[in-house]
Every structure is written in structure tokens, then in C-alpha cells.
Amino acid sequence: MQTDLVIRAQRGDREAFSVLAGAAVDRLHTLARLILRDADLAEDATQEALVRAWLDLPSLRDVDRFEPWLNRVTVRACSNTRRASKRWSNRLAIVPAEPAEADHSSGLADRDELERALRRLTVAQRTVVVLTFYLGYPVADVADALDIPVGTAKSRLHYALDALRAALAADARSEPGAATKEQTA
């Protein structure tokens, strides 16, 4: 059924594309939010991806590969959105937030620590990590979604994981209680 909708949408059927977009919009927004780590930027990227998909759909050669193609369009839209947002963000001064009262839930603390580490990765590194670990894509599908060779995808994943480990280690060293823990040991 999806193949028929894609073919109809390629011929200019707006209703068919609307059904396809409606079925994919939540997944695309989640993908964009995981890559960009910002809800507003993710909305912009999702909208850009859907517009680009509508405009470029006639050039899709293999209608059975619609979903990976749409993921690739979304990843590119995330890169474009991030690049555009950096032009504006240079003018903003980021004011550090006051630390909140510590939550005693280790799961929440771990999630926050991982979130901070993911924010330190480049968009390309974060994209590979999100596609691999959050969406569960095998490396071959990650390479296809990013339109890169499989070896390049493996290399990016390797360096992204190294950077993630380094960011987590740096956070662990900079924790306020880290020095006292080491001194008491």
C-alpha cells in the first residue's frame, strides 16, 4: 500500500503525499530532535524535510526505499537547520543556569550525563549515534541514510563513540564531588 501511495505522490497526488507525511511526521520529528537536541530546531528541520521530500519525490528511483530516502532527507535538513542556527547563535550570550537540587534517581542522572555528552558531539557524530543506537539501524542502513560508504559510517561511529567516552570522562572528572571522592579513597 505504501508503494502505491509513493507512486501516486510522485505523480503529484497531494492527498497521497499527505498520508505518507502524516504517517512519518512523528518519526521524522523524533529523529530531528535526537540529532539537533532542540525541539524548535527539530520542528524547523522536520518541516524543511517534508517540503524537500515533496519537491524531490519525483526523482526517487526506487519507491521501495522511500523510508530510508526520507530519513536521508531529514538528516540533511538537520544539517541545514543547524548550520543556519549557528549564524544566529553567535550573537547570543549563553547564561549558565543555576544548578538544580540534585535528584537522587540514578537513572535520571545518567540520562542527564549522557545528554550533556551527546551535546558535545558534532552533528555528524550525533547523527551516526542516533541512527545506530536510538533508532537501531544497522551500519549499512546508517550509511544508506547518510549517503556515505559503509566504511565511512563505521569510522564515524568509532570516532563518535570515542568522543562520547571522552565527554563522559571529562564530566566525571569535573563533578563537584569527584575530588572529595578521590581524596577519601
N, C-alpha and C. Protein backbone atom coordinates (compact mmCIF):
# COMPACT_ATOMS: atom_id res chain seq x y z
N MET A 1 0.81 -1.18 0.00
CA MET A 1 0.00 0.00 0.00
C MET A 1 0.87 1.26 0.00
N GLN A 2 1.97 1.26 0.78
CA GLN A 2 2.84 2.43 0.82
C GLN A 2 3.45 2.68 -0.56
N THR A 3 3.79 1.61 -1.27
CA THR A 3 4.37 1.76 -2.60
C THR A 3 3.40 2.47 -3.53
N ASP A 4 2.12 2.12 -3.45
CA ASP A 4 1.12 2.78 -4.28
C ASP A 4 1.00 4.26 -3.93
N LEU A 5 1.05 4.57 -2.64
CA LEU A 5 0.98 5.97 -2.21
C LEU A 5 2.19 6.75 -2.72
N VAL A 6 3.36 6.14 -2.65
CA VAL A 6 4.57 6.82 -3.12
C VAL A 6 4.47 7.08 -4.62
N ILE A 7 4.02 6.11 -5.38
CA ILE A 7 3.89 6.29 -6.83
C ILE A 7 2.89 7.39 -7.14
N ARG A 8 1.76 7.39 -6.43
CA ARG A 8 0.76 8.43 -6.65
C ARG A 8 1.31 9.80 -6.26
N ALA A 9 2.06 9.86 -5.17
CA ALA A 9 2.63 11.13 -4.74
C ALA A 9 3.69 11.62 -5.74
N GLN A 10 4.44 10.70 -6.32
CA GLN A 10 5.44 11.07 -7.32
C GLN A 10 4.77 11.72 -8.53
N ARG A 11 3.55 11.32 -8.81
CA ARG A 11 2.79 11.87 -9.95
C ARG A 11 2.08 13.18 -9.60
N GLY A 12 2.27 13.64 -8.34
CA GLY A 12 1.70 14.92 -7.96
C GLY A 12 0.44 14.84 -7.12
N ASP A 13 0.06 13.65 -6.66
CA ASP A 13 -1.13 13.47 -5.83
C ASP A 13 -0.84 13.98 -4.42
N ARG A 14 -1.37 15.15 -4.09
CA ARG A 14 -1.11 15.76 -2.78
C ARG A 14 -1.72 14.96 -1.64
N GLU A 15 -2.86 14.36 -1.89
CA GLU A 15 -3.53 13.56 -0.85
C GLU A 15 -2.67 12.35 -0.48
N ALA A 16 -2.07 11.70 -1.47
CA ALA A 16 -1.21 10.55 -1.21
C ALA A 16 0.02 10.98 -0.40
N PHE A 17 0.61 12.12 -0.77
CA PHE A 17 1.76 12.60 -0.01
C PHE A 17 1.36 12.99 1.40
N SER A 18 0.18 13.55 1.55
CA SER A 18 -0.30 13.92 2.88
C SER A 18 -0.42 12.69 3.78
N VAL A 19 -0.89 11.59 3.23
CA VAL A 19 -0.99 10.35 4.00
C VAL A 19 0.41 9.85 4.38
N LEU A 20 1.34 9.88 3.42
CA LEU A 20 2.71 9.46 3.70
C LEU A 20 3.37 10.35 4.75
N ALA A 21 3.19 11.65 4.60
CA ALA A 21 3.80 12.60 5.54
C ALA A 21 3.18 12.44 6.92
N GLY A 22 1.87 12.27 6.98
CA GLY A 22 1.20 12.10 8.27
C GLY A 22 1.67 10.86 9.01
N ALA A 23 1.95 9.80 8.26
CA ALA A 23 2.43 8.57 8.89
C ALA A 23 3.87 8.69 9.36
N ALA A 24 4.65 9.59 8.75
CA ALA A 24 6.08 9.66 9.06
C ALA A 24 6.47 10.85 9.92
N VAL A 25 5.60 11.83 10.09
CA VAL A 25 5.99 13.10 10.71
C VAL A 25 6.50 12.91 12.15
N ASP A 26 5.86 12.09 12.94
CA ASP A 26 6.31 11.88 14.32
C ASP A 26 7.70 11.24 14.37
N ARG A 27 7.90 10.26 13.52
CA ARG A 27 9.20 9.58 13.46
C ARG A 27 10.29 10.54 12.99
N LEU A 28 9.98 11.36 12.00
CA LEU A 28 10.95 12.32 11.49
C LEU A 28 11.28 13.39 12.54
N HIS A 29 10.25 13.83 13.26
CA HIS A 29 10.48 14.84 14.30
C HIS A 29 11.34 14.26 15.42
N THR A 30 11.09 13.01 15.78
CA THR A 30 11.91 12.35 16.81
C THR A 30 13.36 12.25 16.34
N LEU A 31 13.55 11.86 15.10
CA LEU A 31 14.90 11.77 14.55
C LEU A 31 15.58 13.14 14.59
N ALA A 32 14.89 14.17 14.16
CA ALA A 32 15.46 15.52 14.15
C ALA A 32 15.75 16.01 15.58
N ARG A 33 14.85 15.71 16.52
CA ARG A 33 15.06 16.14 17.90
C ARG A 33 16.26 15.44 18.52
N LEU A 34 16.44 14.17 18.20
CA LEU A 34 17.59 13.43 18.72
C LEU A 34 18.90 13.95 18.14
N ILE A 35 18.87 14.34 16.89
CA ILE A 35 20.10 14.83 16.25
C ILE A 35 20.40 16.26 16.70
N LEU A 36 19.38 17.11 16.71
CA LEU A 36 19.61 18.54 16.97
C LEU A 36 19.56 18.89 18.46
N ARG A 37 18.90 18.07 19.26
CA ARG A 37 18.79 18.30 20.70
C ARG A 37 18.09 19.61 21.03
N ASP A 38 17.16 20.03 20.17
CA ASP A 38 16.41 21.26 20.38
C ASP A 38 15.06 21.09 19.69
N ALA A 39 13.97 21.22 20.45
CA ALA A 39 12.64 20.98 19.91
C ALA A 39 12.27 21.96 18.80
N ASP A 40 12.61 23.23 18.98
CA ASP A 40 12.27 24.22 17.96
C ASP A 40 13.04 23.99 16.66
N LEU A 41 14.33 23.71 16.78
CA LEU A 41 15.12 23.42 15.59
C LEU A 41 14.64 22.13 14.92
N ALA A 42 14.21 21.16 15.73
CA ALA A 42 13.71 19.89 15.19
C ALA A 42 12.43 20.12 14.38
N GLU A 43 11.57 21.01 14.86
CA GLU A 43 10.35 21.33 14.09
C GLU A 43 10.71 21.96 12.76
N ASP A 44 11.65 22.89 12.79
CA ASP A 44 12.09 23.54 11.55
C ASP A 44 12.67 22.52 10.58
N ALA A 45 13.52 21.63 11.09
CA ALA A 45 14.15 20.62 10.24
C ALA A 45 13.11 19.65 9.68
N THR A 46 12.13 19.28 10.48
CA THR A 46 11.09 18.36 10.02
C THR A 46 10.27 19.01 8.90
N GLN A 47 9.92 20.27 9.09
CA GLN A 47 9.17 20.97 8.05
C GLN A 47 9.99 21.10 6.77
N GLU A 48 11.26 21.45 6.93
CA GLU A 48 12.13 21.55 5.75
C GLU A 48 12.24 20.20 5.04
N ALA A 49 12.35 19.13 5.81
CA ALA A 49 12.47 17.79 5.22
C ALA A 49 11.21 17.42 4.44
N LEU A 50 10.05 17.72 4.99
CA LEU A 50 8.82 17.37 4.29
C LEU A 50 8.63 18.20 3.02
N VAL A 51 8.99 19.46 3.08
CA VAL A 51 8.91 20.30 1.87
C VAL A 51 9.88 19.78 0.81
N ARG A 52 11.13 19.50 1.25
CA ARG A 52 12.14 18.99 0.33
C ARG A 52 11.70 17.63 -0.24
N ALA A 53 11.09 16.79 0.59
CA ALA A 53 10.63 15.48 0.13
C ALA A 53 9.57 15.66 -0.96
N TRP A 54 8.64 16.57 -0.76
CA TRP A 54 7.59 16.80 -1.76
C TRP A 54 8.21 17.27 -3.08
N LEU A 55 9.18 18.18 -2.98
CA LEU A 55 9.79 18.72 -4.19
C LEU A 55 10.68 17.70 -4.91
N ASP A 56 11.36 16.85 -4.13
CA ASP A 56 12.31 15.90 -4.72
C ASP A 56 11.73 14.51 -4.96
N LEU A 57 10.51 14.28 -4.54
CA LEU A 57 9.92 12.93 -4.67
C LEU A 57 9.92 12.41 -6.10
N PRO A 58 9.67 13.23 -7.11
CA PRO A 58 9.71 12.68 -8.48
C PRO A 58 11.07 12.09 -8.86
N SER A 59 12.14 12.51 -8.20
CA SER A 59 13.47 11.98 -8.54
C SER A 59 13.79 10.68 -7.81
N LEU A 60 12.93 10.23 -6.90
CA LEU A 60 13.16 8.96 -6.19
C LEU A 60 13.04 7.81 -7.18
N ARG A 61 14.11 7.05 -7.33
CA ARG A 61 14.11 5.97 -8.32
C ARG A 61 13.48 4.69 -7.80
N ASP A 62 13.77 4.32 -6.56
CA ASP A 62 13.28 3.06 -6.01
C ASP A 62 12.21 3.38 -4.96
N VAL A 63 10.95 3.21 -5.32
CA VAL A 63 9.85 3.56 -4.41
C VAL A 63 9.84 2.69 -3.16
N ASP A 64 10.45 1.52 -3.22
CA ASP A 64 10.52 0.65 -2.05
C ASP A 64 11.50 1.18 -1.00
N ARG A 65 12.35 2.12 -1.38
CA ARG A 65 13.34 2.71 -0.48
C ARG A 65 12.89 4.09 0.02
N PHE A 66 11.57 4.32 0.02
CA PHE A 66 11.04 5.62 0.40
C PHE A 66 11.44 6.02 1.82
N GLU A 67 11.28 5.12 2.78
CA GLU A 67 11.59 5.48 4.18
C GLU A 67 13.07 5.81 4.39
N PRO A 68 14.02 4.99 3.91
CA PRO A 68 15.43 5.39 4.07
C PRO A 68 15.73 6.71 3.34
N TRP A 69 15.11 6.91 2.18
CA TRP A 69 15.30 8.16 1.45
C TRP A 69 14.77 9.33 2.26
N LEU A 70 13.62 9.18 2.88
CA LEU A 70 13.03 10.24 3.70
C LEU A 70 13.89 10.51 4.93
N ASN A 71 14.48 9.47 5.51
CA ASN A 71 15.42 9.65 6.63
C ASN A 71 16.64 10.46 6.18
N ARG A 72 17.15 10.15 5.00
CA ARG A 72 18.31 10.87 4.47
C ARG A 72 17.96 12.35 4.24
N VAL A 73 16.77 12.61 3.71
CA VAL A 73 16.31 13.99 3.51
C VAL A 73 16.23 14.71 4.86
N THR A 74 15.76 14.01 5.89
CA THR A 74 15.63 14.60 7.23
C THR A 74 17.00 14.88 7.83
N VAL A 75 17.94 13.98 7.67
CA VAL A 75 19.30 14.18 8.20
C VAL A 75 19.93 15.41 7.53
N ARG A 76 19.73 15.55 6.23
CA ARG A 76 20.27 16.73 5.53
C ARG A 76 19.58 18.01 6.01
N ALA A 77 18.28 17.93 6.25
CA ALA A 77 17.56 19.10 6.76
C ALA A 77 18.08 19.47 8.15
N CYS A 78 18.42 18.48 8.95
CA CYS A 78 19.00 18.77 10.27
C CYS A 78 20.33 19.50 10.13
N SER A 79 21.15 19.07 9.20
CA SER A 79 22.44 19.74 8.97
C SER A 79 22.22 21.18 8.52
N ASN A 80 21.28 21.38 7.60
CA ASN A 80 20.99 22.73 7.12
C ASN A 80 20.46 23.61 8.24
N THR A 81 19.58 23.07 9.06
CA THR A 81 18.99 23.83 10.15
C THR A 81 20.04 24.18 11.18
N ARG A 82 20.91 23.26 11.52
CA ARG A 82 21.98 23.51 12.49
C ARG A 82 22.91 24.60 11.96
N ARG A 83 23.27 24.50 10.69
CA ARG A 83 24.16 25.49 10.09
C ARG A 83 23.52 26.87 10.13
N ALA A 84 22.25 26.96 9.80
CA ALA A 84 21.54 28.25 9.82
C ALA A 84 21.42 28.78 11.24
N SER A 85 21.20 27.92 12.20
CA SER A 85 21.04 28.38 13.59
C SER A 85 22.35 28.88 14.16
N LYS A 86 23.48 28.36 13.70
CA LYS A 86 24.78 28.81 14.20
C LYS A 86 25.04 30.25 13.78
N ARG A 87 24.53 30.66 12.62
CA ARG A 87 24.70 32.04 12.18
C ARG A 87 24.08 33.00 13.16
N TRP A 88 22.97 32.58 13.75
CA TRP A 88 22.27 33.45 14.69
C TRP A 88 22.78 33.28 16.11
N SER A 89 23.19 32.08 16.47
CA SER A 89 23.56 31.82 17.86
C SER A 89 24.85 32.52 18.27
N ASN A 90 25.69 32.90 17.32
CA ASN A 90 26.93 33.60 17.67
C ASN A 90 26.65 34.95 18.34
N ARG A 91 25.48 35.49 18.12
CA ARG A 91 25.15 36.78 18.67
C ARG A 91 24.52 36.68 20.06
N LEU A 92 24.25 35.49 20.50
CA LEU A 92 23.60 35.30 21.78
C LEU A 92 24.62 34.95 22.86
N ALA A 93 24.42 35.49 24.03
CA ALA A 93 25.27 35.14 25.17
C ALA A 93 24.53 34.08 25.99
N ILE A 94 25.17 32.97 26.21
CA ILE A 94 24.55 31.89 26.96
C ILE A 94 24.86 32.11 28.44
N VAL A 95 23.81 32.21 29.22
CA VAL A 95 23.95 32.42 30.65
C VAL A 95 23.82 31.07 31.33
N PRO A 96 24.81 30.67 32.11
CA PRO A 96 24.72 29.36 32.76
C PRO A 96 23.57 29.36 33.77
N ALA A 97 22.85 28.27 33.77
CA ALA A 97 21.73 28.11 34.69
C ALA A 97 22.25 27.73 36.07
N GLU A 98 21.52 28.13 37.07
CA GLU A 98 21.87 27.73 38.43
C GLU A 98 21.64 26.23 38.55
N PRO A 99 22.54 25.52 39.18
CA PRO A 99 22.33 24.08 39.32
C PRO A 99 21.08 23.79 40.16
N ALA A 100 20.30 22.87 39.67
CA ALA A 100 19.09 22.47 40.38
C ALA A 100 19.47 21.53 41.52
N GLU A 101 18.54 21.35 42.40
CA GLU A 101 18.77 20.41 43.50
C GLU A 101 18.95 19.02 42.90
N ALA A 102 19.95 18.33 43.38
CA ALA A 102 20.28 17.02 42.82
C ALA A 102 19.14 16.04 43.01
N ASP A 103 18.86 15.31 41.96
CA ASP A 103 17.85 14.27 42.01
C ASP A 103 18.55 12.97 42.42
N HIS A 104 17.95 12.25 43.30
CA HIS A 104 18.58 11.03 43.80
C HIS A 104 18.33 9.82 42.91
N SER A 105 17.65 10.04 41.82
CA SER A 105 17.38 8.95 40.90
C SER A 105 18.59 8.78 39.98
N SER A 106 19.24 7.64 40.07
CA SER A 106 20.45 7.43 39.26
C SER A 106 20.12 7.36 37.78
N GLY A 107 18.95 6.87 37.42
CA GLY A 107 18.56 6.81 36.01
C GLY A 107 18.45 8.19 35.40
N LEU A 108 17.87 9.11 36.12
CA LEU A 108 17.74 10.48 35.64
C LEU A 108 19.11 11.14 35.53
N ALA A 109 19.96 10.91 36.52
CA ALA A 109 21.31 11.48 36.50
C ALA A 109 22.11 10.92 35.32
N ASP A 110 21.98 9.63 35.08
CA ASP A 110 22.68 9.01 33.95
C ASP A 110 22.19 9.59 32.63
N ARG A 111 20.88 9.76 32.52
CA ARG A 111 20.30 10.31 31.29
C ARG A 111 20.78 11.74 31.06
N ASP A 112 20.84 12.54 32.12
CA ASP A 112 21.33 13.92 32.01
C ASP A 112 22.81 13.94 31.61
N GLU A 113 23.58 13.05 32.20
CA GLU A 113 25.01 12.97 31.89
C GLU A 113 25.21 12.60 30.42
N LEU A 114 24.42 11.64 29.93
CA LEU A 114 24.50 11.23 28.53
C LEU A 114 24.05 12.37 27.62
N GLU A 115 23.02 13.08 28.01
CA GLU A 115 22.53 14.23 27.23
C GLU A 115 23.63 15.28 27.08
N ARG A 116 24.31 15.61 28.17
CA ARG A 116 25.40 16.60 28.11
C ARG A 116 26.52 16.10 27.19
N ALA A 117 26.84 14.84 27.29
CA ALA A 117 27.91 14.28 26.45
C ALA A 117 27.50 14.29 24.98
N LEU A 118 26.24 13.97 24.69
CA LEU A 118 25.78 13.99 23.30
C LEU A 118 25.82 15.39 22.71
N ARG A 119 25.55 16.38 23.53
CA ARG A 119 25.58 17.77 23.05
C ARG A 119 27.00 18.19 22.66
N ARG A 120 28.01 17.55 23.20
CA ARG A 120 29.40 17.88 22.86
C ARG A 120 29.83 17.30 21.53
N LEU A 121 29.10 16.33 21.01
CA LEU A 121 29.44 15.73 19.72
C LEU A 121 29.08 16.68 18.58
N THR A 122 29.76 16.52 17.47
CA THR A 122 29.37 17.27 16.28
C THR A 122 28.05 16.71 15.77
N VAL A 123 27.39 17.43 14.91
CA VAL A 123 26.12 16.97 14.36
C VAL A 123 26.32 15.66 13.59
N ALA A 124 27.41 15.56 12.85
CA ALA A 124 27.68 14.33 12.10
C ALA A 124 27.87 13.14 13.04
N GLN A 125 28.61 13.35 14.13
CA GLN A 125 28.82 12.27 15.09
C GLN A 125 27.51 11.90 15.77
N ARG A 126 26.76 12.91 16.19
CA ARG A 126 25.50 12.66 16.88
C ARG A 126 24.51 11.94 15.96
N THR A 127 24.52 12.28 14.68
CA THR A 127 23.63 11.65 13.72
C THR A 127 23.90 10.15 13.63
N VAL A 128 25.17 9.77 13.55
CA VAL A 128 25.52 8.35 13.47
C VAL A 128 25.11 7.62 14.75
N VAL A 129 25.35 8.24 15.90
CA VAL A 129 24.98 7.62 17.18
C VAL A 129 23.46 7.46 17.28
N VAL A 130 22.72 8.48 16.90
CA VAL A 130 21.26 8.42 16.97
C VAL A 130 20.70 7.34 16.05
N LEU A 131 21.17 7.32 14.81
CA LEU A 131 20.67 6.32 13.87
C LEU A 131 21.01 4.90 14.33
N THR A 132 22.19 4.72 14.92
CA THR A 132 22.63 3.39 15.32
C THR A 132 21.99 2.93 16.62
N PHE A 133 22.06 3.78 17.66
CA PHE A 133 21.65 3.33 18.98
C PHE A 133 20.22 3.70 19.37
N TYR A 134 19.73 4.84 18.90
CA TYR A 134 18.37 5.23 19.24
C TYR A 134 17.35 4.60 18.30
N LEU A 135 17.67 4.57 17.00
CA LEU A 135 16.74 4.01 16.03
C LEU A 135 17.05 2.57 15.68
N GLY A 136 18.20 2.08 16.11
CA GLY A 136 18.53 0.67 15.92
C GLY A 136 18.89 0.28 14.50
N TYR A 137 19.37 1.22 13.70
CA TYR A 137 19.74 0.90 12.32
C TYR A 137 21.06 0.15 12.30
N PRO A 138 21.17 -0.86 11.46
CA PRO A 138 22.48 -1.47 11.24
C PRO A 138 23.37 -0.46 10.49
N VAL A 139 24.67 -0.66 10.55
CA VAL A 139 25.61 0.30 9.97
C VAL A 139 25.36 0.48 8.48
N ALA A 140 24.97 -0.58 7.78
CA ALA A 140 24.70 -0.46 6.34
C ALA A 140 23.53 0.50 6.08
N ASP A 141 22.50 0.46 6.92
CA ASP A 141 21.37 1.37 6.76
C ASP A 141 21.74 2.80 7.16
N VAL A 142 22.62 2.93 8.15
CA VAL A 142 23.11 4.26 8.53
C VAL A 142 23.86 4.86 7.34
N ALA A 143 24.72 4.07 6.72
CA ALA A 143 25.47 4.54 5.56
C ALA A 143 24.52 4.96 4.44
N ASP A 144 23.48 4.16 4.23
CA ASP A 144 22.50 4.48 3.19
C ASP A 144 21.75 5.77 3.53
N ALA A 145 21.36 5.93 4.78
CA ALA A 145 20.62 7.13 5.19
C ALA A 145 21.48 8.38 5.05
N LEU A 146 22.78 8.25 5.27
CA LEU A 146 23.67 9.40 5.18
C LEU A 146 24.31 9.54 3.80
N ASP A 147 24.04 8.56 2.94
CA ASP A 147 24.58 8.55 1.58
C ASP A 147 26.12 8.58 1.60
N ILE A 148 26.68 7.68 2.43
CA ILE A 148 28.13 7.55 2.56
C ILE A 148 28.47 6.06 2.47
N PRO A 149 29.74 5.72 2.19
CA PRO A 149 30.14 4.30 2.17
C PRO A 149 30.03 3.69 3.58
N VAL A 150 29.86 2.39 3.64
CA VAL A 150 29.73 1.68 4.91
C VAL A 150 30.98 1.88 5.76
N GLY A 151 32.14 1.84 5.16
CA GLY A 151 33.38 2.04 5.91
C GLY A 151 33.44 3.42 6.56
N THR A 152 32.93 4.41 5.87
CA THR A 152 32.89 5.76 6.43
C THR A 152 31.93 5.82 7.61
N ALA A 153 30.79 5.14 7.48
CA ALA A 153 29.83 5.10 8.58
C ALA A 153 30.44 4.42 9.81
N LYS A 154 31.17 3.33 9.58
CA LYS A 154 31.83 2.63 10.70
C LYS A 154 32.86 3.54 11.35
N SER A 155 33.61 4.24 10.54
CA SER A 155 34.64 5.14 11.06
C SER A 155 34.01 6.28 11.86
N ARG A 156 32.95 6.87 11.33
CA ARG A 156 32.27 7.95 12.05
C ARG A 156 31.71 7.45 13.38
N LEU A 157 31.16 6.24 13.37
CA LEU A 157 30.62 5.67 14.60
C LEU A 157 31.74 5.44 15.62
N HIS A 158 32.86 4.93 15.15
CA HIS A 158 34.01 4.70 16.03
C HIS A 158 34.47 6.00 16.68
N TYR A 159 34.67 7.03 15.87
CA TYR A 159 35.13 8.32 16.41
C TYR A 159 34.07 8.99 17.27
N ALA A 160 32.81 8.80 16.93
CA ALA A 160 31.73 9.37 17.75
C ALA A 160 31.70 8.71 19.12
N LEU A 161 31.87 7.40 19.17
CA LEU A 161 31.89 6.70 20.45
C LEU A 161 33.11 7.10 21.28
N ASP A 162 34.26 7.29 20.61
CA ASP A 162 35.45 7.78 21.33
C ASP A 162 35.18 9.16 21.92
N ALA A 163 34.58 10.03 21.14
CA ALA A 163 34.28 11.39 21.62
C ALA A 163 33.26 11.35 22.75
N LEU A 164 32.30 10.45 22.65
CA LEU A 164 31.28 10.30 23.69
C LEU A 164 31.93 9.82 24.99
N ARG A 165 32.81 8.83 24.89
CA ARG A 165 33.53 8.35 26.08
C ARG A 165 34.36 9.46 26.71
N ALA A 166 35.04 10.23 25.86
CA ALA A 166 35.87 11.32 26.37
C ALA A 166 35.02 12.39 27.06
N ALA A 167 33.87 12.69 26.49
CA ALA A 167 32.98 13.69 27.10
C ALA A 167 32.45 13.19 28.44
N LEU A 168 32.09 11.92 28.50
CA LEU A 168 31.61 11.35 29.76
C LEU A 168 32.72 11.35 30.82
N ALA A 169 33.93 11.01 30.39
CA ALA A 169 35.06 11.01 31.33
C ALA A 169 35.36 12.43 31.82
N ALA A 170 35.28 13.40 30.92
CA ALA A 170 35.54 14.80 31.32
C ALA A 170 34.49 15.27 32.31
N ASP A 171 33.25 14.90 32.08
CA ASP A 171 32.18 15.26 33.02
C ASP A 171 32.41 14.61 34.37
N ALA A 172 32.86 13.36 34.36
CA ALA A 172 33.10 12.64 35.62
C ALA A 172 34.22 13.31 36.41
N ARG A 173 35.25 13.79 35.70
CA ARG A 173 36.36 14.46 36.38
C ARG A 173 35.96 15.83 36.91
N SER A 174 35.01 16.48 36.25
CA SER A 174 34.64 17.84 36.66
C SER A 174 33.48 17.90 37.64
N GLU A 175 32.97 16.75 38.07
CA GLU A 175 31.89 16.74 39.05
C GLU A 175 32.39 17.35 40.35
N PRO A 176 31.52 18.12 41.04
CA PRO A 176 31.94 18.76 42.28
C PRO A 176 32.41 17.77 43.34
N GLY A 177 31.80 16.61 43.43
CA GLY A 177 32.18 15.64 44.46
C GLY A 177 33.30 14.72 44.03
N ALA A 178 33.79 14.87 42.79
CA ALA A 178 34.80 13.94 42.29
C ALA A 178 36.11 14.07 43.06
N ALA A 179 36.50 15.28 43.41
CA ALA A 179 37.78 15.47 44.13
C ALA A 179 37.69 14.90 45.54
N THR A 180 36.55 15.08 46.20
CA THR A 180 36.43 14.55 47.56
C THR A 180 36.36 13.04 47.55
N LYS A 181 35.74 12.46 46.53
CA LYS A 181 35.66 11.01 46.45
C LYS A 181 37.05 10.42 46.31
N GLU A 182 37.88 11.07 45.45
CA GLU A 182 39.23 10.56 45.24
C GLU A 182 40.09 10.73 46.49
N GLN A 183 39.90 11.83 47.22
CA GLN A 183 40.71 12.08 48.41
C GLN A 183 40.40 11.11 49.52
N THR A 184 39.13 10.69 49.62
CA THR A 184 38.77 9.76 50.69
C THR A 184 39.18 8.34 50.38
N ALA A 185 39.44 8.04 49.14
CA ALA A 185 39.77 6.66 48.74
C ALA A 185 41.16 6.27 49.11
